[in-house]
Amino acid sequence: MAPKGNQMLGNAHFRKHWHKRIKTWFNQPGRKLRRRENRLKKASDIAPRPVAGLLRPVVHCPGQRYNSKVRIGRGFTLQELKSAGVSKHHARTIGIAVDFRRTNRSVESLKSNVERLKEYKSKLILFPKKLSQPKKGDSSAEELKVAAQLRGDILPVSNTYTPEAPRAITEAEKKIEIYRHLRRVRAD
């Protein structure tokens, strides 16, 4: 603990030869360079796939405090994949994360993630296993020429919040005991 206030400084009870045991950070610039090189190597290894990895769903944060915010989740539910017309085995081969433990608790989240999957599928460029024998569903030769590796996030998520303009409280709103009502709704 750091000393607080204008008190006397206590004796520093160091071990003998304490200066030999200090953890130094002289390797920080080297580490920074190594991390950058590893990032670039990984990006070149997985090219032309996106650097960010798999496509992940938009989920609401847990808890009463944060549940108005959305963030990136772990994987799409089987119901979302089925609604978007993607099988769970095929999804993993085209860069879509699958989480069979997650369940959809609202129609809105299901719809938003299905739309996310459909948008991803529309922008997806599938390379054929053999260029001489392209299969059904593979991209055309023109699309393959313009394919480039995506560097940023795949379909980034933003919390869209539009604040309401200030207004007077109506009589009907004054009569409602909103705190009691919210507690009752949470309990039911």
C-alpha atoms as a PDB file:
ATOM      1  CA  MET A   1       0.000   0.000   0.000  1.00  0.00           C
ATOM      2  CA  ALA A   2       1.207   3.484  -0.785  1.00  0.00           C
ATOM      3  CA  PRO A   3       1.387   5.887   2.162  1.00  0.00           C
ATOM      4  CA  LYS A   4      -1.635   8.193   2.366  1.00  0.00           C
ATOM      5  CA  GLY A   5      -1.552  11.641   3.925  1.00  0.00           C
ATOM      6  CA  ASN A   6       1.283  13.508   5.626  1.00  0.00           C
ATOM      7  CA  GLN A   7       2.511  10.639   7.832  1.00  0.00           C
ATOM      8  CA  MET A   8       5.991   9.488   8.675  1.00  0.00           C
ATOM      9  CA  LEU A   9       7.455   7.067   6.119  1.00  0.00           C
ATOM     10  CA  GLY A  10       7.935   3.581   7.551  1.00  0.00           C
ATOM     11  CA  ASN A  11      11.202   1.716   7.324  1.00  0.00           C
ATOM     12  CA  ALA A  12      11.664  -0.191   4.086  1.00  0.00           C
ATOM     13  CA  HIS A  13      12.136  -3.823   5.145  1.00  0.00           C
ATOM     14  CA  PHE A  14      14.066  -5.063   2.146  1.00  0.00           C
ATOM     15  CA  ARG A  15      15.776  -8.437   1.847  1.00  0.00           C
ATOM     16  CA  LYS A  16      19.524  -8.602   1.535  1.00  0.00           C
ATOM     17  CA  HIS A  17      20.690  -8.030  -2.061  1.00  0.00           C
ATOM     18  CA  TRP A  18      17.179  -6.855  -3.020  1.00  0.00           C
ATOM     19  CA  HIS A  19      18.488  -4.992  -6.065  1.00  0.00           C
ATOM     20  CA  LYS A  20      19.402  -8.306  -7.713  1.00  0.00           C
ATOM     21  CA  ARG A  21      15.754  -9.382  -7.565  1.00  0.00           C
ATOM     22  CA  ILE A  22      14.246  -6.361  -9.326  1.00  0.00           C
ATOM     23  CA  LYS A  23      12.159  -7.242 -12.386  1.00  0.00           C
ATOM     24  CA  THR A  24      13.415  -5.132 -15.261  1.00  0.00           C
ATOM     25  CA  TRP A  25      11.543  -4.154 -18.425  1.00  0.00           C
ATOM     26  CA  PHE A  26      14.474  -3.741 -20.785  1.00  0.00           C
ATOM     27  CA  ASN A  27      12.876  -6.326 -23.089  1.00  0.00           C
ATOM     28  CA  GLN A  28       9.790  -4.145 -23.703  1.00  0.00           C
ATOM     29  CA  PRO A  29      10.779  -2.784 -27.150  1.00  0.00           C
ATOM     30  CA  GLY A  30      11.917  -6.246 -28.252  1.00  0.00           C
ATOM     31  CA  ARG A  31       8.635  -7.752 -27.058  1.00  0.00           C
ATOM     32  CA  LYS A  32       6.685  -5.097 -28.939  1.00  0.00           C
ATOM     33  CA  LEU A  33       8.558  -5.926 -32.137  1.00  0.00           C
ATOM     34  CA  ARG A  34       8.079  -9.683 -31.619  1.00  0.00           C
ATOM     35  CA  ARG A  35       4.328  -9.255 -31.061  1.00  0.00           C
ATOM     36  CA  ARG A  36       4.064  -7.207 -34.266  1.00  0.00           C
ATOM     37  CA  GLU A  37       6.032  -9.786 -36.262  1.00  0.00           C
ATOM     38  CA  ASN A  38       3.825 -12.590 -34.895  1.00  0.00           C
ATOM     39  CA  ARG A  39       0.682 -10.653 -35.835  1.00  0.00           C
ATOM     40  CA  LEU A  40       1.950 -10.150 -39.387  1.00  0.00           C
ATOM     41  CA  LYS A  41       3.021 -13.808 -39.662  1.00  0.00           C
ATOM     42  CA  LYS A  42      -0.396 -15.008 -38.469  1.00  0.00           C
ATOM     43  CA  ALA A  43      -2.134 -12.667 -40.939  1.00  0.00           C
ATOM     44  CA  SER A  44      -0.043 -13.988 -43.834  1.00  0.00           C
ATOM     45  CA  ASP A  45      -0.583 -17.624 -42.732  1.00  0.00           C
ATOM     46  CA  ILE A  46      -4.383 -17.349 -42.706  1.00  0.00           C
ATOM     47  CA  ALA A  47      -4.641 -15.098 -45.804  1.00  0.00           C
ATOM     48  CA  PRO A  48      -7.020 -14.445 -47.576  1.00  0.00           C
ATOM     49  CA  ARG A  49      -9.194 -15.105 -44.495  1.00  0.00           C
ATOM     50  CA  PRO A  50      -9.947 -12.075 -42.251  1.00  0.00           C
ATOM     51  CA  VAL A  51      -7.311 -11.200 -39.654  1.00  0.00           C
ATOM     52  CA  ALA A  52      -9.963 -10.887 -36.910  1.00  0.00           C
ATOM     53  CA  GLY A  53     -10.822 -14.601 -37.179  1.00  0.00           C
ATOM     54  CA  LEU A  54     -14.372 -15.945 -37.142  1.00  0.00           C
ATOM     55  CA  LEU A  55     -17.630 -14.025 -37.492  1.00  0.00           C
ATOM     56  CA  ARG A  56     -19.272 -13.748 -34.073  1.00  0.00           C
ATOM     57  CA  PRO A  57     -22.810 -12.737 -33.023  1.00  0.00           C
ATOM     58  CA  VAL A  58     -24.041  -9.537 -31.392  1.00  0.00           C
ATOM     59  CA  VAL A  59     -25.143 -10.208 -27.802  1.00  0.00           C
ATOM     60  CA  HIS A  60     -26.444  -8.130 -24.901  1.00  0.00           C
ATOM     61  CA  CYS A  61     -24.214  -7.840 -21.854  1.00  0.00           C
ATOM     62  CA  PRO A  62     -25.479  -9.671 -18.741  1.00  0.00           C
ATOM     63  CA  GLY A  63     -26.747  -7.896 -15.623  1.00  0.00           C
ATOM     64  CA  GLN A  64     -29.199  -5.098 -14.975  1.00  0.00           C
ATOM     65  CA  ARG A  65     -26.491  -2.466 -15.188  1.00  0.00           C
ATOM     66  CA  TYR A  66     -25.076  -3.335 -18.620  1.00  0.00           C
ATOM     67  CA  ASN A  67     -27.929  -5.097 -20.452  1.00  0.00           C
ATOM     68  CA  SER A  68     -28.690  -2.036 -22.590  1.00  0.00           C
ATOM     69  CA  LYS A  69     -25.260  -2.378 -24.240  1.00  0.00           C
ATOM     70  CA  VAL A  70     -24.375  -4.841 -26.991  1.00  0.00           C
ATOM     71  CA  ARG A  71     -21.037  -6.512 -27.677  1.00  0.00           C
ATOM     72  CA  ILE A  72     -19.510  -9.378 -29.675  1.00  0.00           C
ATOM     73  CA  GLY A  73     -20.422 -12.841 -28.357  1.00  0.00           C
ATOM     74  CA  ARG A  74     -18.805 -16.277 -28.654  1.00  0.00           C
ATOM     75  CA  GLY A  75     -20.792 -18.026 -31.387  1.00  0.00           C
ATOM     76  CA  PHE A  76     -24.119 -18.207 -33.215  1.00  0.00           C
ATOM     77  CA  THR A  77     -26.903 -20.459 -31.933  1.00  0.00           C
ATOM     78  CA  LEU A  78     -28.131 -23.428 -33.955  1.00  0.00           C
ATOM     79  CA  GLN A  79     -31.498 -21.664 -34.313  1.00  0.00           C
ATOM     80  CA  GLU A  80     -29.832 -18.571 -35.825  1.00  0.00           C
ATOM     81  CA  LEU A  81     -27.862 -20.710 -38.273  1.00  0.00           C
ATOM     82  CA  LYS A  82     -30.996 -22.633 -39.278  1.00  0.00           C
ATOM     83  CA  SER A  83     -32.936 -19.389 -39.866  1.00  0.00           C
ATOM     84  CA  ALA A  84     -30.102 -18.041 -42.034  1.00  0.00           C
ATOM     85  CA  GLY A  85     -29.940 -21.302 -44.018  1.00  0.00           C
ATOM     86  CA  VAL A  86     -26.461 -22.409 -42.912  1.00  0.00           C
ATOM     87  CA  SER A  87     -25.723 -25.858 -41.492  1.00  0.00           C
ATOM     88  CA  LYS A  88     -23.652 -26.032 -38.303  1.00  0.00           C
ATOM     89  CA  HIS A  89     -20.919 -28.076 -40.019  1.00  0.00           C
ATOM     90  CA  HIS A  90     -20.741 -25.803 -43.082  1.00  0.00           C
ATOM     91  CA  ALA A  91     -20.683 -22.685 -40.866  1.00  0.00           C
ATOM     92  CA  ARG A  92     -17.332 -23.595 -39.340  1.00  0.00           C
ATOM     93  CA  THR A  93     -15.780 -24.110 -42.782  1.00  0.00           C
ATOM     94  CA  ILE A  94     -16.760 -20.610 -43.987  1.00  0.00           C
ATOM     95  CA  GLY A  95     -15.535 -18.704 -40.920  1.00  0.00           C
ATOM     96  CA  ILE A  96     -18.647 -18.550 -38.722  1.00  0.00           C
ATOM     97  CA  ALA A  97     -18.322 -19.282 -34.990  1.00  0.00           C
ATOM     98  CA  VAL A  98     -20.915 -21.714 -33.553  1.00  0.00           C
ATOM     99  CA  ASP A  99     -21.907 -21.981 -29.872  1.00  0.00           C
ATOM    100  CA  PHE A 100     -24.390 -24.809 -29.275  1.00  0.00           C
ATOM    101  CA  ARG A 101     -24.795 -23.844 -25.576  1.00  0.00           C
ATOM    102  CA  ARG A 102     -26.221 -20.379 -26.269  1.00  0.00           C
ATOM    103  CA  THR A 103     -30.003 -19.973 -26.587  1.00  0.00           C
ATOM    104  CA  ASN A 104     -32.148 -17.205 -28.060  1.00  0.00           C
ATOM    105  CA  ARG A 105     -34.351 -15.567 -25.451  1.00  0.00           C
ATOM    106  CA  SER A 106     -35.822 -12.849 -27.676  1.00  0.00           C
ATOM    107  CA  VAL A 107     -37.074 -12.576 -31.244  1.00  0.00           C
ATOM    108  CA  GLU A 108     -35.197  -9.287 -31.731  1.00  0.00           C
ATOM    109  CA  SER A 109     -31.755 -10.760 -31.007  1.00  0.00           C
ATOM    110  CA  LEU A 110     -32.540 -13.752 -33.236  1.00  0.00           C
ATOM    111  CA  LYS A 111     -33.552 -11.465 -36.125  1.00  0.00           C
ATOM    112  CA  SER A 112     -30.520  -9.181 -35.747  1.00  0.00           C
ATOM    113  CA  ASN A 113     -28.079 -12.109 -35.775  1.00  0.00           C
ATOM    114  CA  VAL A 114     -29.830 -13.772 -38.736  1.00  0.00           C
ATOM    115  CA  GLU A 115     -29.487 -10.461 -40.613  1.00  0.00           C
ATOM    116  CA  ARG A 116     -25.805 -10.385 -39.604  1.00  0.00           C
ATOM    117  CA  LEU A 117     -25.294 -13.885 -41.017  1.00  0.00           C
ATOM    118  CA  LYS A 118     -27.100 -13.016 -44.258  1.00  0.00           C
ATOM    119  CA  GLU A 119     -25.021  -9.855 -44.711  1.00  0.00           C
ATOM    120  CA  TYR A 120     -21.830 -11.870 -44.118  1.00  0.00           C
ATOM    121  CA  LYS A 121     -22.903 -14.505 -46.660  1.00  0.00           C
ATOM    122  CA  SER A 122     -23.654 -11.815 -49.258  1.00  0.00           C
ATOM    123  CA  LYS A 123     -20.145 -10.329 -48.876  1.00  0.00           C
ATOM    124  CA  LEU A 124     -18.354 -13.694 -48.628  1.00  0.00           C
ATOM    125  CA  ILE A 125     -15.956 -14.767 -51.384  1.00  0.00           C
ATOM    126  CA  LEU A 126     -15.561 -18.565 -51.403  1.00  0.00           C
ATOM    127  CA  PHE A 127     -12.420 -19.927 -53.024  1.00  0.00           C
ATOM    128  CA  PRO A 128     -12.846 -23.286 -54.791  1.00  0.00           C
ATOM    129  CA  LYS A 129     -10.700 -26.225 -53.653  1.00  0.00           C
ATOM    130  CA  LYS A 130      -9.630 -26.708 -57.274  1.00  0.00           C
ATOM    131  CA  LEU A 131      -9.484 -23.604 -59.440  1.00  0.00           C
ATOM    132  CA  SER A 132     -10.042 -25.734 -62.565  1.00  0.00           C
ATOM    133  CA  GLN A 133     -13.206 -27.355 -61.102  1.00  0.00           C
ATOM    134  CA  PRO A 134     -15.283 -24.758 -59.211  1.00  0.00           C
ATOM    135  CA  LYS A 135     -18.329 -26.183 -57.410  1.00  0.00           C
ATOM    136  CA  LYS A 136     -21.785 -24.734 -56.812  1.00  0.00           C
ATOM    137  CA  GLY A 137     -21.604 -21.866 -54.302  1.00  0.00           C
ATOM    138  CA  ASP A 138     -17.991 -20.934 -55.105  1.00  0.00           C
ATOM    139  CA  SER A 139     -17.223 -17.377 -56.215  1.00  0.00           C
ATOM    140  CA  SER A 140     -16.561 -16.419 -59.825  1.00  0.00           C
ATOM    141  CA  ALA A 141     -13.098 -15.729 -61.260  1.00  0.00           C
ATOM    142  CA  GLU A 142     -13.746 -11.942 -61.309  1.00  0.00           C
ATOM    143  CA  GLU A 143     -14.619 -11.944 -57.593  1.00  0.00           C
ATOM    144  CA  LEU A 144     -11.507 -13.973 -56.771  1.00  0.00           C
ATOM    145  CA  LYS A 145      -9.302 -11.358 -58.458  1.00  0.00           C
ATOM    146  CA  VAL A 146     -10.617  -8.507 -56.287  1.00  0.00           C
ATOM    147  CA  ALA A 147     -10.462 -10.535 -53.037  1.00  0.00           C
ATOM    148  CA  ALA A 148      -8.364  -8.871 -50.330  1.00  0.00           C
ATOM    149  CA  GLN A 149      -7.718  -9.762 -46.707  1.00  0.00           C
ATOM    150  CA  LEU A 150      -9.896  -7.823 -44.240  1.00  0.00           C
ATOM    151  CA  ARG A 151      -7.695  -6.166 -41.604  1.00  0.00           C
ATOM    152  CA  GLY A 152     -10.263  -4.757 -39.147  1.00  0.00           C
ATOM    153  CA  ASP A 153     -13.237  -6.276 -37.319  1.00  0.00           C
ATOM    154  CA  ILE A 154     -15.737  -8.352 -39.299  1.00  0.00           C
ATOM    155  CA  LEU A 155     -19.008  -6.371 -39.455  1.00  0.00           C
ATOM    156  CA  PRO A 156     -18.161  -4.114 -36.459  1.00  0.00           C
ATOM    157  CA  VAL A 157     -20.763  -3.498 -33.740  1.00  0.00           C
ATOM    158  CA  SER A 158     -21.694  -0.100 -32.347  1.00  0.00           C
ATOM    159  CA  ASN A 159     -24.078   0.863 -29.561  1.00  0.00           C
ATOM    160  CA  THR A 160     -26.611   3.113 -31.274  1.00  0.00           C
ATOM    161  CA  TYR A 161     -28.154   5.434 -28.698  1.00  0.00           C
ATOM    162  CA  THR A 162     -30.313   8.439 -29.562  1.00  0.00           C
ATOM    163  CA  PRO A 163     -31.079  10.625 -26.525  1.00  0.00           C
ATOM    164  CA  GLU A 164     -34.631  11.918 -26.166  1.00  0.00           C
ATOM    165  CA  ALA A 165     -35.355  15.631 -26.110  1.00  0.00           C
ATOM    166  CA  PRO A 166     -36.335  16.972 -22.652  1.00  0.00           C
ATOM    167  CA  ARG A 167     -40.095  17.270 -22.005  1.00  0.00           C
ATOM    168  CA  ALA A 168     -42.554  17.813 -19.159  1.00  0.00           C
ATOM    169  CA  ILE A 169     -43.709  14.820 -17.069  1.00  0.00           C
ATOM    170  CA  THR A 170     -47.379  14.016 -17.718  1.00  0.00           C
ATOM    171  CA  GLU A 171     -50.001  13.339 -15.019  1.00  0.00           C
ATOM    172  CA  ALA A 172     -50.310   9.678 -16.078  1.00  0.00           C
ATOM    173  CA  GLU A 173     -46.543   9.222 -15.663  1.00  0.00           C
ATOM    174  CA  LYS A 174     -46.656  10.802 -12.194  1.00  0.00           C
ATOM    175  CA  LYS A 175     -49.315   8.307 -11.036  1.00  0.00           C
ATOM    176  CA  ILE A 176     -47.310   5.221 -12.050  1.00  0.00           C
ATOM    177  CA  GLU A 177     -44.997   3.931  -9.301  1.00  0.00           C
ATOM    178  CA  ILE A 178     -42.283   2.932 -11.738  1.00  0.00           C
ATOM    179  CA  TYR A 179     -39.768   1.518  -9.248  1.00  0.00           C
ATOM    180  CA  ARG A 180     -42.384  -0.775  -7.711  1.00  0.00           C
ATOM    181  CA  HIS A 181     -43.599  -1.747 -11.196  1.00  0.00           C
ATOM    182  CA  LEU A 182     -40.078  -2.664 -12.374  1.00  0.00           C
ATOM    183  CA  ARG A 183     -39.449  -4.752  -9.234  1.00  0.00           C
ATOM    184  CA  ARG A 184     -42.743  -6.584  -9.807  1.00  0.00           C
ATOM    185  CA  VAL A 185     -41.908  -7.265 -13.475  1.00  0.00           C
ATOM    186  CA  ARG A 186     -38.450  -8.573 -12.546  1.00  0.00           C
ATOM    187  CA  ALA A 187     -39.936 -10.859  -9.891  1.00  0.00           C
ATOM    188  CA  ASP A 188     -42.553 -12.366 -12.269  1.00  0.00           C
END
